[in-house]
Amino acid sequence: MTPAVSRKELHLMIDTMPDSFIQAMIPLVSCILQEYWKPVLEPASPEEIAAIDERMKDYERDPSSFISLSEYKKKRSAVI
């Protein structure tokens, strides 16, 4: 079942269930959403560490070749 179909099915269930059930579901849904938005932070892999180290060396060699995140976002939004 695709996510879109599952979402429609879930909406249908919610739309047709008694109000008392909806009140009972609120704590469950709140808990699910809290867990969903927690970032999962895990240690970087050796490959990721090597890539970060390489970019740091590039920056140290020529800081002017890098742009800030805000500049990058401006340039990217101008293209899109």
Protein backbone atom coordinates (compact mmCIF):
# COMPACT_ATOMS: atom_id res chain seq x y z
CA MET A 1 0.00 0.00 0.00
CA THR A 2 1.47 3.38 -0.97
CA PRO A 3 1.80 6.18 1.60
CA ALA A 4 -0.86 8.20 -0.24
CA VAL A 5 -3.35 5.31 -0.08
CA SER A 6 -2.52 4.69 3.58
CA ARG A 7 -2.98 8.38 4.35
CA LYS A 8 -6.41 8.41 2.64
CA GLU A 9 -7.42 5.27 4.54
CA LEU A 10 -6.31 6.80 7.83
CA HIS A 11 -8.23 10.00 7.08
CA LEU A 12 -11.34 7.97 6.32
CA MET A 13 -11.00 6.10 9.61
CA ILE A 14 -10.62 9.33 11.56
CA ASP A 15 -13.51 10.98 9.72
CA THR A 16 -15.88 8.12 10.54
CA MET A 17 -14.88 7.23 14.12
CA PRO A 18 -16.86 8.42 17.14
CA ASP A 19 -15.63 11.60 18.86
CA SER A 20 -14.71 9.70 22.01
CA PHE A 21 -12.24 7.60 20.02
CA ILE A 22 -10.64 10.71 18.59
CA GLN A 23 -10.14 12.10 22.09
CA ALA A 24 -8.53 8.79 23.08
CA MET A 25 -6.19 8.91 20.07
CA ILE A 26 -4.80 12.39 20.72
CA PRO A 27 -2.16 11.26 23.27
CA LEU A 28 -1.04 8.43 20.97
CA VAL A 29 -0.71 10.68 17.93
CA SER A 30 1.09 13.33 20.00
CA CYS A 31 3.57 10.72 21.18
CA ILE A 32 4.17 9.48 17.63
CA LEU A 33 4.78 13.01 16.37
CA GLN A 34 7.20 13.80 19.20
CA GLU A 35 9.23 10.70 18.34
CA TYR A 36 9.08 11.47 14.62
CA TRP A 37 10.65 14.91 14.99
CA LYS A 38 13.53 13.82 17.23
CA PRO A 39 16.72 13.96 15.20
CA VAL A 40 18.76 10.80 15.07
CA LEU A 41 22.38 11.70 15.64
CA GLU A 42 24.93 9.02 15.06
CA PRO A 43 28.70 9.13 14.80
CA ALA A 44 30.14 9.99 11.41
CA SER A 45 31.48 7.10 9.37
CA PRO A 46 35.19 6.98 8.51
CA GLU A 47 34.29 8.07 4.95
CA GLU A 48 32.31 11.05 6.24
CA ILE A 49 35.15 12.05 8.57
CA ALA A 50 37.61 11.87 5.67
CA ALA A 51 35.34 14.04 3.49
CA ILE A 52 34.97 16.62 6.27
CA ASP A 53 38.73 16.67 6.85
CA GLU A 54 39.34 17.17 3.12
CA ARG A 55 36.90 20.09 2.93
CA MET A 56 38.52 21.65 6.02
CA LYS A 57 41.90 21.44 4.28
CA ASP A 58 40.38 23.05 1.16
CA TYR A 59 39.01 25.87 3.28
CA GLU A 60 42.31 26.41 5.09
CA ARG A 61 44.13 26.59 1.72
CA ASP A 62 41.70 29.15 0.23
CA PRO A 63 38.90 30.50 2.46
CA SER A 64 37.79 32.89 -0.31
CA SER A 65 36.68 29.93 -2.43
CA PHE A 66 33.86 29.18 0.03
CA ILE A 67 30.54 30.99 0.38
CA SER A 68 28.27 31.28 3.40
CA LEU A 69 25.15 29.18 3.72
CA SER A 70 22.95 32.27 3.33
CA GLU A 71 24.76 33.20 0.09
CA TYR A 72 24.33 29.64 -1.17
CA LYS A 73 20.61 29.72 -0.41
CA LYS A 74 20.22 33.06 -2.21
CA LYS A 75 21.99 31.75 -5.30
CA ARG A 76 20.02 28.52 -5.25
CA SER A 77 16.65 30.26 -4.87
CA ALA A 78 17.52 32.58 -7.76
CA VAL A 79 18.05 29.54 -10.00
CA ILE A 80 14.84 27.78 -8.97
